């Protein structure tokens, strides 16, 4: 079973980039169906680029370390309505 701590360590590779822009990320849960739920913190919480960062950065880093992870979801991702 994958631990939250081990997923946090996988994210540590990209964390400096998030922090450089005033953001961060916290792993909240890993579900039974292998979905990682995260909270975007600081600037990441309301950034319009959050969804791209989540998929292209965070999800890639986690899935590289743990290929069995199906996806990563943010519980507080910013959604702009047009």
PDB file of N, CA and C in Angstrom:
ATOM      1  N   UNK A   1       0.842  -1.195   0.000  1.00  0.00           N
ATOM      2  CA  UNK A   1       0.000   0.000   0.000  1.00  0.00           C
ATOM      3  C   UNK A   1       0.884   1.254   0.000  1.00  0.00           C
ATOM      4  N   UNK A   2       0.493   2.210  -0.781  1.00  0.00           N
ATOM      5  CA  UNK A   2       1.238   3.461  -0.910  1.00  0.00           C
ATOM      6  C   UNK A   2       0.872   4.382   0.250  1.00  0.00           C
ATOM      7  N   UNK A   3       1.873   4.951   0.892  1.00  0.00           N
ATOM      8  CA  UNK A   3       1.615   5.858   2.012  1.00  0.00           C
ATOM      9  C   UNK A   3       1.595   7.312   1.542  1.00  0.00           C
ATOM     10  N   UNK A   4       0.910   8.131   2.305  1.00  0.00           N
ATOM     11  CA  UNK A   4       0.868   9.559   2.024  1.00  0.00           C
ATOM     12  C   UNK A   4       2.286  10.131   2.077  1.00  0.00           C
ATOM     13  N   UNK A   5       3.079   9.668   3.032  1.00  0.00           N
ATOM     14  CA  UNK A   5       4.456  10.159   3.172  1.00  0.00           C
ATOM     15  C   UNK A   5       5.291   9.865   1.935  1.00  0.00           C
ATOM     16  N   UNK A   6       5.118   8.673   1.351  1.00  0.00           N
ATOM     17  CA  UNK A   6       5.904   8.336   0.159  1.00  0.00           C
ATOM     18  C   UNK A   6       5.476   9.162  -1.049  1.00  0.00           C
ATOM     19  N   UNK A   7       4.187   9.494  -1.130  1.00  0.00           N
ATOM     20  CA  UNK A   7       3.715  10.359  -2.213  1.00  0.00           C
ATOM     21  C   UNK A   7       4.237  11.778  -2.006  1.00  0.00           C
ATOM     22  N   UNK A   8       4.242  12.236  -0.763  1.00  0.00           N
ATOM     23  CA  UNK A   8       4.809  13.559  -0.458  1.00  0.00           C
ATOM     24  C   UNK A   8       6.274  13.619  -0.906  1.00  0.00           C
ATOM     25  N   UNK A   9       7.029  12.545  -0.676  1.00  0.00           N
ATOM     26  CA  UNK A   9       8.431  12.512  -1.093  1.00  0.00           C
ATOM     27  C   UNK A   9       8.558  12.572  -2.610  1.00  0.00           C
ATOM     28  N   UNK A  10       7.645  11.934  -3.329  1.00  0.00           N
ATOM     29  CA  UNK A  10       7.669  11.993  -4.794  1.00  0.00           C
ATOM     30  C   UNK A  10       7.415  13.420  -5.284  1.00  0.00           C
ATOM     31  N   UNK A  11       6.567  14.134  -4.564  1.00  0.00           N
ATOM     32  CA  UNK A  11       6.253  15.520  -4.924  1.00  0.00           C
ATOM     33  C   UNK A  11       7.424  16.449  -4.596  1.00  0.00           C
ATOM     34  N   UNK A  12       8.264  16.051  -3.646  1.00  0.00           N
ATOM     35  CA  UNK A  12       9.389  16.898  -3.244  1.00  0.00           C
ATOM     36  C   UNK A  12      10.280  17.296  -4.419  1.00  0.00           C
ATOM     37  N   UNK A  13      10.294  16.493  -5.483  1.00  0.00           N
ATOM     38  CA  UNK A  13      11.099  16.831  -6.663  1.00  0.00           C
ATOM     39  C   UNK A  13      10.611  18.095  -7.360  1.00  0.00           C
ATOM     40  N   UNK A  14       9.320  18.355  -7.308  1.00  0.00           N
ATOM     41  CA  UNK A  14       8.780  19.545  -7.980  1.00  0.00           C
ATOM     42  C   UNK A  14       8.378  20.643  -6.997  1.00  0.00           C
ATOM     43  N   UNK A  15       8.393  20.331  -5.727  1.00  0.00           N
ATOM     44  CA  UNK A  15       7.967  21.300  -4.701  1.00  0.00           C
ATOM     45  C   UNK A  15       8.721  22.639  -4.783  1.00  0.00           C
ATOM     46  N   UNK A  16      10.043  22.645  -5.041  1.00  0.00           N
ATOM     47  CA  UNK A  16      10.735  23.944  -5.131  1.00  0.00           C
ATOM     48  C   UNK A  16      10.158  24.864  -6.209  1.00  0.00           C
ATOM     49  N   UNK A  17       9.672  24.294  -7.288  1.00  0.00           N
ATOM     50  CA  UNK A  17       9.075  25.106  -8.357  1.00  0.00           C
ATOM     51  C   UNK A  17       7.745  25.702  -7.906  1.00  0.00           C
ATOM     52  N   UNK A  18       6.964  24.920  -7.176  1.00  0.00           N
ATOM     53  CA  UNK A  18       5.704  25.429  -6.636  1.00  0.00           C
ATOM     54  C   UNK A  18       5.957  26.539  -5.627  1.00  0.00           C
ATOM     55  N   UNK A  19       6.937  26.305  -4.759  1.00  0.00           N
ATOM     56  CA  UNK A  19       7.247  27.267  -3.709  1.00  0.00           C
ATOM     57  C   UNK A  19       7.845  28.555  -4.274  1.00  0.00           C
ATOM     58  N   UNK A  20       8.554  28.455  -5.378  1.00  0.00           N
ATOM     59  CA  UNK A  20       9.140  29.647  -6.010  1.00  0.00           C
ATOM     60  C   UNK A  20       8.053  30.621  -6.461  1.00  0.00           C
ATOM     61  N   UNK A  21       6.864  30.083  -6.758  1.00  0.00           N
ATOM     62  CA  UNK A  21       5.744  30.924  -7.167  1.00  0.00           C
ATOM     63  C   UNK A  21       4.766  31.182  -6.021  1.00  0.00           C
ATOM     64  N   UNK A  22       5.181  30.865  -4.794  1.00  0.00           N
ATOM     65  CA  UNK A  22       4.349  31.139  -3.632  1.00  0.00           C
ATOM     66  C   UNK A  22       3.308  30.075  -3.334  1.00  0.00           C
ATOM     67  N   UNK A  23       3.481  28.882  -3.895  1.00  0.00           N
ATOM     68  CA  UNK A  23       2.506  27.824  -3.677  1.00  0.00           C
ATOM     69  C   UNK A  23       3.116  26.604  -3.027  1.00  0.00           C
ATOM     70  N   UNK A  24       2.268  25.613  -2.832  1.00  0.00           N
ATOM     71  CA  UNK A  24       2.707  24.330  -2.303  1.00  0.00           C
ATOM     72  C   UNK A  24       1.563  23.348  -2.498  1.00  0.00           C
ATOM     73  N   UNK A  25       1.762  22.125  -2.062  1.00  0.00           N
ATOM     74  CA  UNK A  25       0.752  21.092  -2.226  1.00  0.00           C
ATOM     75  C   UNK A  25       0.811  20.151  -1.034  1.00  0.00           C
ATOM     76  N   UNK A  26      -0.342  19.641  -0.653  1.00  0.00           N
ATOM     77  CA  UNK A  26      -0.432  18.713   0.476  1.00  0.00           C
ATOM     78  C   UNK A  26      -1.265  17.514   0.047  1.00  0.00           C
ATOM     79  N   UNK A  27      -0.747  16.324   0.286  1.00  0.00           N
ATOM     80  CA  UNK A  27      -1.489  15.102  -0.015  1.00  0.00           C
ATOM     81  C   UNK A  27      -2.475  14.861   1.124  1.00  0.00           C
ATOM     82  N   UNK A  28      -3.745  14.729   0.776  1.00  0.00           N
ATOM     83  CA  UNK A  28      -4.788  14.530   1.767  1.00  0.00           C
ATOM     84  C   UNK A  28      -5.179  13.066   1.921  1.00  0.00           C
ATOM     85  N   UNK A  29      -5.202  12.352   0.797  1.00  0.00           N
ATOM     86  CA  UNK A  29      -5.760  10.998   0.830  1.00  0.00           C
ATOM     87  C   UNK A  29      -5.324  10.221  -0.401  1.00  0.00           C
ATOM     88  N   UNK A  30      -5.223   8.922  -0.236  1.00  0.00           N
ATOM     89  CA  UNK A  30      -5.055   8.005  -1.357  1.00  0.00           C
ATOM     90  C   UNK A  30      -6.224   7.037  -1.250  1.00  0.00           C
ATOM     91  N   UNK A  31      -7.104   7.065  -2.224  1.00  0.00           N
ATOM     92  CA  UNK A  31      -8.319   6.254  -2.146  1.00  0.00           C
ATOM     93  C   UNK A  31      -8.021   4.798  -2.492  1.00  0.00           C
ATOM     94  N   UNK A  32      -8.980   3.946  -2.198  1.00  0.00           N
ATOM     95  CA  UNK A  32      -8.850   2.521  -2.501  1.00  0.00           C
ATOM     96  C   UNK A  32      -8.708   2.260  -3.995  1.00  0.00           C
ATOM     97  N   UNK A  33      -9.283   3.146  -4.822  1.00  0.00           N
ATOM     98  CA  UNK A  33      -9.172   2.966  -6.271  1.00  0.00           C
ATOM     99  C   UNK A  33      -7.976   3.723  -6.853  1.00  0.00           C
ATOM    100  N   UNK A  34      -6.974   3.996  -6.000  1.00  0.00           N
ATOM    101  CA  UNK A  34      -5.682   4.559  -6.416  1.00  0.00           C
ATOM    102  C   UNK A  34      -5.778   5.969  -7.003  1.00  0.00           C
ATOM    103  N   UNK A  35      -6.582   6.802  -6.379  1.00  0.00           N
ATOM    104  CA  UNK A  35      -6.673   8.222  -6.729  1.00  0.00           C
ATOM    105  C   UNK A  35      -6.051   9.007  -5.574  1.00  0.00           C
ATOM    106  N   UNK A  36      -5.120   9.890  -5.905  1.00  0.00           N
ATOM    107  CA  UNK A  36      -4.491  10.733  -4.901  1.00  0.00           C
ATOM    108  C   UNK A  36      -5.244  12.055  -4.856  1.00  0.00           C
ATOM    109  N   UNK A  37      -5.710  12.425  -3.674  1.00  0.00           N
ATOM    110  CA  UNK A  37      -6.406  13.699  -3.494  1.00  0.00           C
ATOM    111  C   UNK A  37      -5.455  14.653  -2.791  1.00  0.00           C
ATOM    112  N   UNK A  38      -5.322  15.843  -3.374  1.00  0.00           N
ATOM    113  CA  UNK A  38      -4.391  16.831  -2.861  1.00  0.00           C
ATOM    114  C   UNK A  38      -5.092  18.160  -2.632  1.00  0.00           C
ATOM    115  N   UNK A  39      -4.457  18.975  -1.818  1.00  0.00           N
ATOM    116  CA  UNK A  39      -4.909  20.350  -1.618  1.00  0.00           C
ATOM    117  C   UNK A  39      -3.817  21.268  -2.133  1.00  0.00           C
ATOM    118  N   UNK A  40      -4.190  22.197  -2.993  1.00  0.00           N
ATOM    119  CA  UNK A  40      -3.250  23.185  -3.499  1.00  0.00           C
ATOM    120  C   UNK A  40      -3.218  24.337  -2.514  1.00  0.00           C
ATOM    121  N   UNK A  41      -2.024  24.718  -2.104  1.00  0.00           N
ATOM    122  CA  UNK A  41      -1.852  25.725  -1.064  1.00  0.00           C
ATOM    123  C   UNK A  41      -1.236  27.000  -1.611  1.00  0.00           C
ATOM    124  N   UNK A  42      -1.424  28.091  -0.879  1.00  0.00           N
ATOM    125  CA  UNK A  42      -0.824  29.369  -1.263  1.00  0.00           C
ATOM    126  C   UNK A  42      -1.304  29.823  -2.630  1.00  0.00           C
ATOM    127  N   UNK A  43      -0.394  30.310  -3.435  1.00  0.00           N
ATOM    128  CA  UNK A  43      -0.733  30.810  -4.770  1.00  0.00           C
ATOM    129  C   UNK A  43      -1.324  29.743  -5.667  1.00  0.00           C
ATOM    130  N   UNK A  44      -0.980  28.488  -5.432  1.00  0.00           N
ATOM    131  CA  UNK A  44      -1.495  27.402  -6.271  1.00  0.00           C
ATOM    132  C   UNK A  44      -3.000  27.232  -6.114  1.00  0.00           C
ATOM    133  N   UNK A  45      -3.530  27.615  -4.969  1.00  0.00           N
ATOM    134  CA  UNK A  45      -4.942  27.421  -4.691  1.00  0.00           C
ATOM    135  C   UNK A  45      -5.877  28.213  -5.576  1.00  0.00           C
ATOM    136  N   UNK A  46      -5.430  29.364  -6.058  1.00  0.00           N
ATOM    137  CA  UNK A  46      -6.310  30.176  -6.900  1.00  0.00           C
ATOM    138  C   UNK A  46      -5.665  30.591  -8.217  1.00  0.00           C
ATOM    139  N   UNK A  47      -4.633  29.886  -8.601  1.00  0.00           N
ATOM    140  CA  UNK A  47      -3.948  30.192  -9.854  1.00  0.00           C
ATOM    141  C   UNK A  47      -4.704  29.599 -11.037  1.00  0.00           C
ATOM    142  N   UNK A  48      -4.786  30.338 -12.108  1.00  0.00           N
ATOM    143  CA  UNK A  48      -5.481  29.851 -13.298  1.00  0.00           C
ATOM    144  C   UNK A  48      -4.727  28.733 -14.005  1.00  0.00           C
ATOM    145  N   UNK A  49      -3.462  28.586 -13.681  1.00  0.00           N
ATOM    146  CA  UNK A  49      -2.657  27.527 -14.281  1.00  0.00           C
ATOM    147  C   UNK A  49      -2.641  26.259 -13.414  1.00  0.00           C
ATOM    148  N   UNK A  50      -3.395  26.238 -12.343  1.00  0.00           N
ATOM    149  CA  UNK A  50      -3.374  25.115 -11.407  1.00  0.00           C
ATOM    150  C   UNK A  50      -3.689  23.781 -12.065  1.00  0.00           C
ATOM    151  N   UNK A  51      -4.674  23.747 -12.940  1.00  0.00           N
ATOM    152  CA  UNK A  51      -5.036  22.471 -13.558  1.00  0.00           C
ATOM    153  C   UNK A  51      -3.897  21.943 -14.417  1.00  0.00           C
ATOM    154  N   UNK A  52      -3.188  22.817 -15.101  1.00  0.00           N
ATOM    155  CA  UNK A  52      -2.049  22.379 -15.908  1.00  0.00           C
ATOM    156  C   UNK A  52      -0.898  21.929 -15.006  1.00  0.00           C
ATOM    157  N   UNK A  53      -0.632  22.667 -13.961  1.00  0.00           N
ATOM    158  CA  UNK A  53       0.410  22.279 -13.006  1.00  0.00           C
ATOM    159  C   UNK A  53       0.078  20.936 -12.386  1.00  0.00           C
ATOM    160  N   UNK A  54      -1.184  20.743 -12.049  1.00  0.00           N
ATOM    161  CA  UNK A  54      -1.607  19.500 -11.432  1.00  0.00           C
ATOM    162  C   UNK A  54      -1.356  18.319 -12.363  1.00  0.00           C
ATOM    163  N   UNK A  55      -1.740  18.440 -13.615  1.00  0.00           N
ATOM    164  CA  UNK A  55      -1.600  17.328 -14.563  1.00  0.00           C
ATOM    165  C   UNK A  55      -0.166  17.174 -15.069  1.00  0.00           C
ATOM    166  N   UNK A  56       0.430  18.255 -15.507  1.00  0.00           N
ATOM    167  CA  UNK A  56       1.749  18.175 -16.137  1.00  0.00           C
ATOM    168  C   UNK A  56       2.887  18.055 -15.143  1.00  0.00           C
ATOM    169  N   UNK A  57       2.675  18.500 -13.927  1.00  0.00           N
ATOM    170  CA  UNK A  57       3.748  18.469 -12.942  1.00  0.00           C
ATOM    171  C   UNK A  57       3.514  17.457 -11.842  1.00  0.00           C
ATOM    172  N   UNK A  58       2.480  17.697 -11.068  1.00  0.00           N
ATOM    173  CA  UNK A  58       2.228  16.892  -9.878  1.00  0.00           C
ATOM    174  C   UNK A  58       1.856  15.455 -10.242  1.00  0.00           C
ATOM    175  N   UNK A  59       0.885  15.291 -11.116  1.00  0.00           N
ATOM    176  CA  UNK A  59       0.458  13.937 -11.479  1.00  0.00           C
ATOM    177  C   UNK A  59       1.596  13.158 -12.131  1.00  0.00           C
ATOM    178  N   UNK A  60       2.357  13.797 -13.008  1.00  0.00           N
ATOM    179  CA  UNK A  60       3.488  13.119 -13.641  1.00  0.00           C
ATOM    180  C   UNK A  60       4.521  12.668 -12.616  1.00  0.00           C
ATOM    181  N   UNK A  61       4.833  13.513 -11.647  1.00  0.00           N
ATOM    182  CA  UNK A  61       5.817  13.168 -10.619  1.00  0.00           C
ATOM    183  C   UNK A  61       5.338  11.992  -9.775  1.00  0.00           C
ATOM    184  N   UNK A  62       4.065  11.999  -9.416  1.00  0.00           N
ATOM    185  CA  UNK A  62       3.522  10.923  -8.599  1.00  0.00           C
ATOM    186  C   UNK A  62       3.450   9.629  -9.397  1.00  0.00           C
ATOM    187  N   UNK A  63       2.964   9.692 -10.623  1.00  0.00           N
ATOM    188  CA  UNK A  63       2.808   8.478 -11.428  1.00  0.00           C
ATOM    189  C   UNK A  63       4.145   7.900 -11.870  1.00  0.00           C
ATOM    190  N   UNK A  64       5.161   8.741 -11.968  1.00  0.00           N
ATOM    191  CA  UNK A  64       6.492   8.224 -12.277  1.00  0.00           C
ATOM    192  C   UNK A  64       6.994   7.356 -11.121  1.00  0.00           C
ATOM    193  N   UNK A  65       6.744   7.785  -9.904  1.00  0.00           N
ATOM    194  CA  UNK A  65       7.157   7.022  -8.726  1.00  0.00           C
ATOM    195  C   UNK A  65       6.212   5.851  -8.441  1.00  0.00           C
ATOM    196  N   UNK A  66       4.936   6.034  -8.750  1.00  0.00           N
ATOM    197  CA  UNK A  66       3.913   5.028  -8.450  1.00  0.00           C
ATOM    198  C   UNK A  66       3.000   4.844  -9.666  1.00  0.00           C
ATOM    199  N   UNK A  67       3.400   4.032 -10.619  1.00  0.00           N
ATOM    200  CA  UNK A  67       2.624   3.851 -11.853  1.00  0.00           C
ATOM    201  C   UNK A  67       1.200   3.329 -11.617  1.00  0.00           C
ATOM    202  N   UNK A  68       0.961   2.707 -10.483  1.00  0.00           N
ATOM    203  CA  UNK A  68      -0.365   2.169 -10.199  1.00  0.00           C
ATOM    204  C   UNK A  68      -1.391   3.249  -9.854  1.00  0.00           C
ATOM    205  N   UNK A  69      -0.936   4.478  -9.590  1.00  0.00           N
ATOM    206  CA  UNK A  69      -1.854   5.590  -9.323  1.00  0.00           C
ATOM    207  C   UNK A  69      -2.608   5.916 -10.607  1.00  0.00           C
ATOM    208  N   UNK A  70      -3.926   5.979 -10.498  1.00  0.00           N
ATOM    209  CA  UNK A  70      -4.782   6.229 -11.672  1.00  0.00           C
ATOM    210  C   UNK A  70      -4.827   7.706 -12.051  1.00  0.00           C
ATOM    211  N   UNK A  71      -4.970   8.563 -11.034  1.00  0.00           N
ATOM    212  CA  UNK A  71      -5.022  10.011 -11.301  1.00  0.00           C
ATOM    213  C   UNK A  71      -4.814  10.786 -10.003  1.00  0.00           C
ATOM    214  N   UNK A  72      -4.643  12.090 -10.163  1.00  0.00           N
ATOM    215  CA  UNK A  72      -4.498  12.992  -9.027  1.00  0.00           C
ATOM    216  C   UNK A  72      -5.590  14.045  -9.149  1.00  0.00           C
ATOM    217  N   UNK A  73      -6.292  14.287  -8.058  1.00  0.00           N
ATOM    218  CA  UNK A  73      -7.370  15.275  -8.048  1.00  0.00           C
ATOM    219  C   UNK A  73      -7.102  16.309  -6.962  1.00  0.00           C
ATOM    220  N   UNK A  74      -7.341  17.550  -7.291  1.00  0.00           N
ATOM    221  CA  UNK A  74      -7.249  18.619  -6.296  1.00  0.00           C
ATOM    222  C   UNK A  74      -8.637  18.876  -5.736  1.00  0.00           C
ATOM    223  N   UNK A  75      -8.732  18.998  -4.437  1.00  0.00           N
ATOM    224  CA  UNK A  75     -10.027  19.235  -3.808  1.00  0.00           C
ATOM    225  C   UNK A  75     -10.432  20.709  -3.873  1.00  0.00           C
ATOM    226  N   UNK A  76      -9.479  21.569  -4.198  1.00  0.00           N
ATOM    227  CA  UNK A  76      -9.771  23.003  -4.184  1.00  0.00           C
ATOM    228  C   UNK A  76      -9.284  23.712  -5.437  1.00  0.00           C
ATOM    229  N   UNK A  77      -9.309  23.043  -6.564  1.00  0.00           N
ATOM    230  CA  UNK A  77      -8.757  23.648  -7.786  1.00  0.00           C
ATOM    231  C   UNK A  77      -9.638  24.796  -8.267  1.00  0.00           C
ATOM    232  N   UNK A  78      -8.976  25.846  -8.719  1.00  0.00           N
ATOM    233  CA  UNK A  78      -9.657  27.042  -9.230  1.00  0.00           C
ATOM    234  C   UNK A  78     -10.316  26.706 -10.558  1.00  0.00           C
ATOM    235  N   UNK A  79     -11.543  27.089 -10.725  1.00  0.00           N
ATOM    236  CA  UNK A  79     -12.260  26.852 -11.972  1.00  0.00           C
ATOM    237  C   UNK A  79     -12.848  28.164 -12.448  1.00  0.00           C
ATOM    238  N   UNK A  80     -12.404  28.595 -13.598  1.00  0.00           N
ATOM    239  CA  UNK A  80     -12.892  29.858 -14.155  1.00  0.00           C
ATOM    240  C   UNK A  80     -14.087  29.581 -15.056  1.00  0.00           C
ATOM    241  N   UNK A  81     -15.176  30.263 -14.785  1.00  0.00           N
ATOM    242  CA  UNK A  81     -16.348  30.103 -15.637  1.00  0.00           C
ATOM    243  C   UNK A  81     -16.332  31.221 -16.671  1.00  0.00           C
ATOM    244  N   UNK A  82     -16.589  30.854 -17.893  1.00  0.00           N
ATOM    245  CA  UNK A  82     -16.531  31.834 -18.997  1.00  0.00           C
ATOM    246  C   UNK A  82     -17.930  32.178 -19.435  1.00  0.00           C
TER     247      UNK A  82
END
